[in-house]
C-alpha atoms as a PDB file:
ATOM      1  CA  MET A   1     -35.090 -54.066   4.509  1.00  0.00           C
ATOM      2  CA  SER A   2     -37.232 -57.174   4.393  1.00  0.00           C
ATOM      3  CA  VAL A   3     -38.957 -58.594   1.287  1.00  0.00           C
ATOM      4  CA  LYS A   4     -42.269 -57.263   2.617  1.00  0.00           C
ATOM      5  CA  GLU A   5     -40.876 -53.748   3.195  1.00  0.00           C
ATOM      6  CA  ASN A   6     -39.214 -53.665  -0.238  1.00  0.00           C
ATOM      7  CA  LEU A   7     -42.409 -54.830  -1.892  1.00  0.00           C
ATOM      8  CA  ILE A   8     -44.691 -52.322  -0.146  1.00  0.00           C
ATOM      9  CA  GLN A   9     -42.324 -49.446  -0.850  1.00  0.00           C
ATOM     10  CA  LEU A  10     -42.101 -50.389  -4.518  1.00  0.00           C
ATOM     11  CA  LYS A  11     -45.856 -50.931  -4.938  1.00  0.00           C
ATOM     12  CA  ASN A  12     -46.617 -47.565  -3.337  1.00  0.00           C
ATOM     13  CA  SER A  13     -44.439 -45.872  -5.945  1.00  0.00           C
ATOM     14  CA  LEU A  14     -46.201 -47.419  -8.954  1.00  0.00           C
ATOM     15  CA  PRO A  15     -49.088 -45.935 -10.954  1.00  0.00           C
ATOM     16  CA  ALA A  16     -52.386 -47.808 -10.606  1.00  0.00           C
ATOM     17  CA  GLN A  17     -52.301 -49.160 -14.164  1.00  0.00           C
ATOM     18  CA  VAL A  18     -48.940 -50.920 -13.781  1.00  0.00           C
ATOM     19  CA  THR A  19     -48.837 -54.595 -12.723  1.00  0.00           C
ATOM     20  CA  LEU A  20     -45.820 -55.703 -10.742  1.00  0.00           C
ATOM     21  CA  VAL A  21     -44.419 -59.165 -11.517  1.00  0.00           C
ATOM     22  CA  ALA A  22     -42.056 -60.210  -8.714  1.00  0.00           C
ATOM     23  CA  VAL A  23     -39.214 -62.129 -10.344  1.00  0.00           C
ATOM     24  CA  SER A  24     -38.663 -65.015  -7.953  1.00  0.00           C
ATOM     25  CA  LYS A  25     -36.238 -67.201  -9.978  1.00  0.00           C
ATOM     26  CA  THR A  26     -33.598 -68.914  -7.799  1.00  0.00           C
ATOM     27  CA  LYS A  27     -35.330 -67.529  -4.674  1.00  0.00           C
ATOM     28  CA  PRO A  28     -36.485 -69.873  -1.911  1.00  0.00           C
ATOM     29  CA  ASN A  29     -40.171 -70.553  -1.248  1.00  0.00           C
ATOM     30  CA  ALA A  30     -39.882 -68.768   2.129  1.00  0.00           C
ATOM     31  CA  MET A  31     -39.136 -65.479   0.374  1.00  0.00           C
ATOM     32  CA  ILE A  32     -41.996 -65.984  -2.085  1.00  0.00           C
ATOM     33  CA  THR A  33     -44.313 -66.749   0.833  1.00  0.00           C
ATOM     34  CA  GLU A  34     -43.251 -63.518   2.565  1.00  0.00           C
ATOM     35  CA  ALA A  35     -44.141 -61.550  -0.604  1.00  0.00           C
ATOM     36  CA  TYR A  36     -47.382 -63.516  -0.947  1.00  0.00           C
ATOM     37  CA  GLU A  37     -48.376 -62.696   2.633  1.00  0.00           C
ATOM     38  CA  ALA A  38     -47.736 -59.035   1.840  1.00  0.00           C
ATOM     39  CA  GLY A  39     -50.358 -59.298  -0.910  1.00  0.00           C
ATOM     40  CA  GLN A  40     -48.246 -60.107  -3.993  1.00  0.00           C
ATOM     41  CA  ARG A  41     -49.868 -62.588  -6.394  1.00  0.00           C
ATOM     42  CA  ASP A  42     -47.913 -62.213  -9.667  1.00  0.00           C
ATOM     43  CA  PHE A  43     -44.537 -64.020  -9.721  1.00  0.00           C
ATOM     44  CA  GLY A  44     -42.138 -64.535 -12.602  1.00  0.00           C
ATOM     45  CA  GLU A  45     -39.928 -67.576 -13.208  1.00  0.00           C
ATOM     46  CA  ASN A  46     -37.267 -68.257 -15.885  1.00  0.00           C
ATOM     47  CA  TYR A  47     -36.714 -72.015 -15.540  1.00  0.00           C
ATOM     48  CA  VAL A  48     -39.400 -74.598 -16.271  1.00  0.00           C
ATOM     49  CA  GLN A  49     -38.433 -77.210 -13.655  1.00  0.00           C
ATOM     50  CA  GLU A  50     -38.102 -74.610 -10.905  1.00  0.00           C
ATOM     51  CA  LEU A  51     -41.490 -73.157 -11.823  1.00  0.00           C
ATOM     52  CA  VAL A  52     -43.154 -76.613 -11.771  1.00  0.00           C
ATOM     53  CA  ASP A  53     -41.642 -77.373  -8.348  1.00  0.00           C
ATOM     54  CA  LYS A  54     -42.744 -74.037  -6.882  1.00  0.00           C
ATOM     55  CA  GLN A  55     -46.237 -74.264  -8.341  1.00  0.00           C
ATOM     56  CA  GLU A  56     -46.715 -77.639  -6.610  1.00  0.00           C
ATOM     57  CA  GLN A  57     -45.563 -76.339  -3.267  1.00  0.00           C
ATOM     58  CA  LEU A  58     -47.010 -72.811  -3.046  1.00  0.00           C
ATOM     59  CA  PRO A  59     -50.558 -71.385  -2.848  1.00  0.00           C
ATOM     60  CA  LYS A  60     -52.778 -72.178  -5.807  1.00  0.00           C
ATOM     61  CA  ASP A  61     -54.020 -68.589  -6.317  1.00  0.00           C
ATOM     62  CA  ILE A  62     -50.562 -67.371  -7.380  1.00  0.00           C
ATOM     63  CA  HIS A  63     -50.398 -66.062 -10.957  1.00  0.00           C
ATOM     64  CA  TRP A  64     -47.266 -67.708 -12.359  1.00  0.00           C
ATOM     65  CA  HIS A  65     -45.657 -65.808 -15.234  1.00  0.00           C
ATOM     66  CA  PHE A  66     -43.066 -67.586 -17.362  1.00  0.00           C
ATOM     67  CA  ILE A  67     -40.602 -64.867 -18.325  1.00  0.00           C
ATOM     68  CA  GLY A  68     -37.581 -66.817 -19.584  1.00  0.00           C
ATOM     69  CA  HIS A  69     -36.692 -68.199 -23.006  1.00  0.00           C
ATOM     70  CA  LEU A  70     -39.138 -71.088 -23.430  1.00  0.00           C
ATOM     71  CA  GLN A  71     -38.212 -74.136 -25.503  1.00  0.00           C
ATOM     72  CA  SER A  72     -41.047 -75.827 -27.389  1.00  0.00           C
ATOM     73  CA  ASN A  73     -40.367 -79.230 -25.806  1.00  0.00           C
ATOM     74  CA  LYS A  74     -40.857 -77.804 -22.301  1.00  0.00           C
ATOM     75  CA  VAL A  75     -44.255 -76.146 -22.880  1.00  0.00           C
ATOM     76  CA  LYS A  76     -46.175 -79.262 -21.805  1.00  0.00           C
ATOM     77  CA  TYR A  77     -44.837 -79.019 -18.239  1.00  0.00           C
ATOM     78  CA  ILE A  78     -46.272 -75.570 -17.561  1.00  0.00           C
ATOM     79  CA  ALA A  79     -49.319 -75.656 -19.820  1.00  0.00           C
ATOM     80  CA  PRO A  80     -51.712 -76.986 -17.102  1.00  0.00           C
ATOM     81  CA  PHE A  81     -51.281 -73.965 -14.847  1.00  0.00           C
ATOM     82  CA  VAL A  82     -49.213 -71.067 -16.282  1.00  0.00           C
ATOM     83  CA  TYR A  83     -51.001 -67.678 -16.033  1.00  0.00           C
ATOM     84  CA  LEU A  84     -49.068 -65.744 -18.697  1.00  0.00           C
ATOM     85  CA  ILE A  85     -46.177 -66.680 -20.982  1.00  0.00           C
ATOM     86  CA  HIS A  86     -44.146 -63.522 -21.697  1.00  0.00           C
ATOM     87  CA  GLY A  87     -41.428 -64.502 -24.139  1.00  0.00           C
ATOM     88  CA  VAL A  88     -43.205 -66.027 -27.123  1.00  0.00           C
ATOM     89  CA  ASP A  89     -40.603 -65.377 -29.808  1.00  0.00           C
ATOM     90  CA  SER A  90     -41.659 -67.579 -32.757  1.00  0.00           C
ATOM     91  CA  ALA A  91     -44.694 -68.929 -34.599  1.00  0.00           C
ATOM     92  CA  LYS A  92     -43.443 -72.466 -33.907  1.00  0.00           C
ATOM     93  CA  LEU A  93     -43.483 -71.882 -30.132  1.00  0.00           C
ATOM     94  CA  LEU A  94     -46.937 -70.339 -30.265  1.00  0.00           C
ATOM     95  CA  GLN A  95     -48.280 -73.327 -32.173  1.00  0.00           C
ATOM     96  CA  GLU A  96     -46.888 -75.657 -29.527  1.00  0.00           C
ATOM     97  CA  ILE A  97     -48.460 -73.569 -26.737  1.00  0.00           C
ATOM     98  CA  ASN A  98     -51.795 -73.756 -28.593  1.00  0.00           C
ATOM     99  CA  LYS A  99     -51.451 -77.552 -28.920  1.00  0.00           C
ATOM    100  CA  GLN A 100     -50.683 -78.045 -25.205  1.00  0.00           C
ATOM    101  CA  ALA A 101     -53.456 -75.643 -24.167  1.00  0.00           C
ATOM    102  CA  LEU A 102     -55.929 -77.702 -26.212  1.00  0.00           C
ATOM    103  CA  LYS A 103     -54.731 -80.907 -24.468  1.00  0.00           C
ATOM    104  CA  ASN A 104     -55.348 -79.245 -21.105  1.00  0.00           C
ATOM    105  CA  ASN A 105     -58.722 -77.884 -22.170  1.00  0.00           C
ATOM    106  CA  ARG A 106     -57.728 -74.296 -21.523  1.00  0.00           C
ATOM    107  CA  THR A 107     -56.753 -71.056 -23.218  1.00  0.00           C
ATOM    108  CA  ILE A 108     -53.232 -69.838 -22.423  1.00  0.00           C
ATOM    109  CA  ASN A 109     -52.461 -66.120 -22.226  1.00  0.00           C
ATOM    110  CA  CYS A 110     -49.322 -65.046 -24.096  1.00  0.00           C
ATOM    111  CA  LEU A 111     -47.284 -61.981 -24.912  1.00  0.00           C
ATOM    112  CA  LEU A 112     -45.287 -61.797 -28.158  1.00  0.00           C
ATOM    113  CA  GLN A 113     -41.643 -60.949 -27.539  1.00  0.00           C
ATOM    114  CA  ILE A 114     -40.362 -58.190 -29.780  1.00  0.00           C
ATOM    115  CA  TYR A 115     -36.651 -57.666 -30.411  1.00  0.00           C
ATOM    116  CA  ILE A 116     -35.991 -53.975 -29.701  1.00  0.00           C
ATOM    117  CA  ALA A 117     -32.425 -54.076 -28.324  1.00  0.00           C
ATOM    118  CA  GLN A 118     -29.098 -53.414 -29.997  1.00  0.00           C
ATOM    119  CA  GLU A 119     -27.709 -56.727 -28.740  1.00  0.00           C
ATOM    120  CA  GLU A 120     -27.275 -60.192 -30.211  1.00  0.00           C
ATOM    121  CA  THR A 121     -28.158 -61.956 -26.950  1.00  0.00           C
ATOM    122  CA  LYS A 122     -31.857 -61.024 -26.925  1.00  0.00           C
ATOM    123  CA  PHE A 123     -34.668 -62.980 -28.604  1.00  0.00           C
ATOM    124  CA  GLY A 124     -37.865 -61.951 -30.360  1.00  0.00           C
ATOM    125  CA  PHE A 125     -39.781 -61.131 -33.499  1.00  0.00           C
ATOM    126  CA  SER A 126     -38.795 -58.062 -35.492  1.00  0.00           C
ATOM    127  CA  PHE A 127     -41.647 -55.554 -35.902  1.00  0.00           C
ATOM    128  CA  GLU A 128     -42.121 -56.637 -39.532  1.00  0.00           C
ATOM    129  CA  GLU A 129     -42.132 -60.379 -38.719  1.00  0.00           C
ATOM    130  CA  CYS A 130     -44.628 -59.865 -35.918  1.00  0.00           C
ATOM    131  CA  GLU A 131     -47.053 -57.809 -37.985  1.00  0.00           C
ATOM    132  CA  THR A 132     -46.903 -60.312 -40.850  1.00  0.00           C
ATOM    133  CA  PHE A 133     -47.550 -63.156 -38.413  1.00  0.00           C
ATOM    134  CA  LEU A 134     -50.526 -61.385 -36.800  1.00  0.00           C
ATOM    135  CA  ARG A 135     -52.099 -61.024 -40.235  1.00  0.00           C
ATOM    136  CA  SER A 136     -51.424 -64.658 -41.212  1.00  0.00           C
ATOM    137  CA  ASP A 137     -53.777 -67.626 -41.521  1.00  0.00           C
ATOM    138  CA  VAL A 138     -51.518 -69.596 -39.178  1.00  0.00           C
ATOM    139  CA  PHE A 139     -52.234 -67.081 -36.396  1.00  0.00           C
ATOM    140  CA  SER A 140     -55.968 -66.965 -37.024  1.00  0.00           C
ATOM    141  CA  GLN A 141     -56.224 -70.736 -36.619  1.00  0.00           C
ATOM    142  CA  LEU A 142     -54.782 -70.755 -33.085  1.00  0.00           C
ATOM    143  CA  LYS A 143     -57.922 -70.929 -30.935  1.00  0.00           C
ATOM    144  CA  ASN A 144     -56.446 -71.894 -27.556  1.00  0.00           C
ATOM    145  CA  ILE A 145     -54.131 -68.945 -27.045  1.00  0.00           C
ATOM    146  CA  LYS A 146     -54.859 -65.332 -26.279  1.00  0.00           C
ATOM    147  CA  ILE A 147     -52.295 -62.730 -27.266  1.00  0.00           C
ATOM    148  CA  LEU A 148     -52.683 -60.061 -24.592  1.00  0.00           C
ATOM    149  CA  GLY A 149     -49.875 -57.801 -25.801  1.00  0.00           C
ATOM    150  CA  PHE A 150     -46.122 -57.570 -26.123  1.00  0.00           C
ATOM    151  CA  MET A 151     -42.965 -58.071 -24.093  1.00  0.00           C
ATOM    152  CA  ALA A 152     -39.454 -56.741 -24.715  1.00  0.00           C
ATOM    153  CA  MET A 153     -36.079 -56.100 -23.128  1.00  0.00           C
ATOM    154  CA  ALA A 154     -34.106 -52.947 -23.843  1.00  0.00           C
ATOM    155  CA  SER A 155     -30.359 -52.890 -24.495  1.00  0.00           C
ATOM    156  CA  ASN A 156     -28.196 -53.300 -21.429  1.00  0.00           C
ATOM    157  CA  THR A 157     -26.665 -49.846 -21.608  1.00  0.00           C
ATOM    158  CA  GLU A 158     -26.131 -46.713 -19.506  1.00  0.00           C
ATOM    159  CA  ASN A 159     -27.516 -44.656 -22.398  1.00  0.00           C
ATOM    160  CA  GLU A 160     -30.928 -43.650 -21.028  1.00  0.00           C
ATOM    161  CA  GLU A 161     -32.004 -42.028 -24.280  1.00  0.00           C
ATOM    162  CA  GLN A 162     -31.410 -45.270 -26.217  1.00  0.00           C
ATOM    163  CA  VAL A 163     -33.405 -47.307 -23.674  1.00  0.00           C
ATOM    164  CA  ARG A 164     -36.211 -44.750 -23.803  1.00  0.00           C
ATOM    165  CA  LYS A 165     -36.233 -44.873 -27.610  1.00  0.00           C
ATOM    166  CA  GLU A 166     -36.400 -48.668 -27.665  1.00  0.00           C
ATOM    167  CA  PHE A 167     -39.329 -48.787 -25.241  1.00  0.00           C
ATOM    168  CA  ARG A 168     -41.114 -46.050 -27.159  1.00  0.00           C
ATOM    169  CA  SER A 169     -40.752 -48.000 -30.412  1.00  0.00           C
ATOM    170  CA  LEU A 170     -42.666 -50.921 -28.891  1.00  0.00           C
ATOM    171  CA  LYS A 171     -45.416 -48.659 -27.556  1.00  0.00           C
ATOM    172  CA  GLN A 172     -45.864 -47.194 -31.030  1.00  0.00           C
ATOM    173  CA  PHE A 173     -45.912 -50.675 -32.592  1.00  0.00           C
ATOM    174  CA  ALA A 174     -48.565 -51.831 -30.076  1.00  0.00           C
ATOM    175  CA  GLU A 175     -50.766 -48.833 -30.957  1.00  0.00           C
ATOM    176  CA  LYS A 176     -50.329 -49.577 -34.666  1.00  0.00           C
ATOM    177  CA  THR A 177     -51.243 -53.272 -34.343  1.00  0.00           C
ATOM    178  CA  SER A 178     -53.889 -53.138 -31.591  1.00  0.00           C
ATOM    179  CA  SER A 179     -56.702 -53.876 -34.026  1.00  0.00           C
ATOM    180  CA  LEU A 180     -55.014 -57.180 -34.957  1.00  0.00           C
ATOM    181  CA  LEU A 181     -54.944 -58.432 -31.347  1.00  0.00           C
ATOM    182  CA  HIS A 182     -58.640 -57.988 -30.553  1.00  0.00           C
ATOM    183  CA  PHE A 183     -57.535 -56.641 -27.138  1.00  0.00           C
ATOM    184  CA  PRO A 184     -57.409 -52.849 -27.379  1.00  0.00           C
ATOM    185  CA  SER A 185     -55.936 -52.339 -23.911  1.00  0.00           C
ATOM    186  CA  SER A 186     -52.997 -54.681 -24.533  1.00  0.00           C
ATOM    187  CA  ILE A 187     -50.331 -55.483 -21.956  1.00  0.00           C
ATOM    188  CA  LEU A 188     -46.915 -53.930 -22.537  1.00  0.00           C
ATOM    189  CA  SER A 189     -44.389 -55.865 -20.421  1.00  0.00           C
ATOM    190  CA  TYR A 190     -41.060 -54.073 -20.307  1.00  0.00           C
ATOM    191  CA  GLY A 191     -38.956 -52.617 -17.523  1.00  0.00           C
ATOM    192  CA  MET A 192     -36.796 -54.335 -14.891  1.00  0.00           C
ATOM    193  CA  SER A 193     -35.080 -53.195 -11.677  1.00  0.00           C
ATOM    194  CA  SER A 194     -32.589 -51.038 -13.582  1.00  0.00           C
ATOM    195  CA  ASP A 195     -34.935 -49.296 -16.026  1.00  0.00           C
ATOM    196  CA  TYR A 196     -38.548 -49.701 -14.867  1.00  0.00           C
ATOM    197  CA  LYS A 197     -39.065 -45.990 -14.142  1.00  0.00           C
ATOM    198  CA  ILE A 198     -38.163 -45.119 -17.740  1.00  0.00           C
ATOM    199  CA  ALA A 199     -40.315 -48.040 -18.955  1.00  0.00           C
ATOM    200  CA  ILE A 200     -43.377 -46.725 -17.128  1.00  0.00           C
ATOM    201  CA  GLU A 201     -42.829 -43.227 -18.529  1.00  0.00           C
ATOM    202  CA  GLU A 202     -42.707 -44.850 -21.989  1.00  0.00           C
ATOM    203  CA  GLY A 203     -45.986 -46.742 -21.604  1.00  0.00           C
ATOM    204  CA  SER A 204     -45.202 -50.023 -19.827  1.00  0.00           C
ATOM    205  CA  THR A 205     -48.188 -51.587 -18.039  1.00  0.00           C
ATOM    206  CA  MET A 206     -46.263 -54.549 -16.536  1.00  0.00           C
ATOM    207  CA  ILE A 207     -42.816 -54.508 -14.967  1.00  0.00           C
ATOM    208  CA  ARG A 208     -40.614 -57.443 -13.923  1.00  0.00           C
ATOM    209  CA  ILE A 209     -38.702 -56.737 -10.734  1.00  0.00           C
ATOM    210  CA  GLY A 210     -36.465 -59.177  -8.847  1.00  0.00           C
ATOM    211  CA  SER A 211     -33.446 -57.776  -7.020  1.00  0.00           C
ATOM    212  CA  SER A 212     -35.234 -54.640  -5.737  1.00  0.00           C
ATOM    213  CA  ILE A 213     -37.650 -56.953  -3.899  1.00  0.00           C
ATOM    214  CA  PHE A 214     -35.657 -60.064  -3.027  1.00  0.00           C
ATOM    215  CA  GLY A 215     -32.087 -58.714  -3.002  1.00  0.00           C
ATOM    216  CA  GLU A 216     -29.250 -59.625  -5.310  1.00  0.00           C
ATOM    217  CA  ARG A 217     -29.374 -63.048  -6.901  1.00  0.00           C
ATOM    218  CA  SER A 218     -26.862 -65.805  -6.253  1.00  0.00           C
ATOM    219  CA  TYR A 219     -26.360 -68.343  -9.064  1.00  0.00           C
ATOM    220  CA  SER A 220     -23.814 -70.463  -7.189  1.00  0.00           C
ATOM    221  CA  LYS A 221     -26.450 -72.912  -5.810  1.00  0.00           C
END
């Protein structure tokens, strides 16, 4: 099936409250344009340089989501235009985003990345670190960022019950801390091609899907 057909089929299967972020990393502009022409506006990228290049070449009403692991020294390149930064995994990174947002005279939307998986390879705040940070003076002084919710990745496992439990733990944490965010209907960004159906059942409001739309990814280029 084509990108357009994949996209329409997927969108038709999603509940109204779930936003689909099409993960377009390593995919050519022609594929993104096909998805765009089918009505898709939210695209997710993992690499700063690739995102900057695509943003320059593609329509300006695209909502670019940065979904990779963001290094502080790269924030300045995406600060002028990024729509939502998903993986904010430290206070230091958030302070840098705030600084670059101020320089660009804008407020940047962010999600705090929470570590819910049973794996060493994932990044993020623990629940305790995150709650402490949200209550801190450091956080209250950041005026050029908006925390719209949380992002997480579940363990890469066949154990559906474990994945479900991990997603559920973040939903419960979001409910517990909603008063600290000032955005009661916060975004919960979890769920990818392999587990998005479970994620939606466990409260996700934003899913990040790549291969189910664009086909399998080739890293050889």
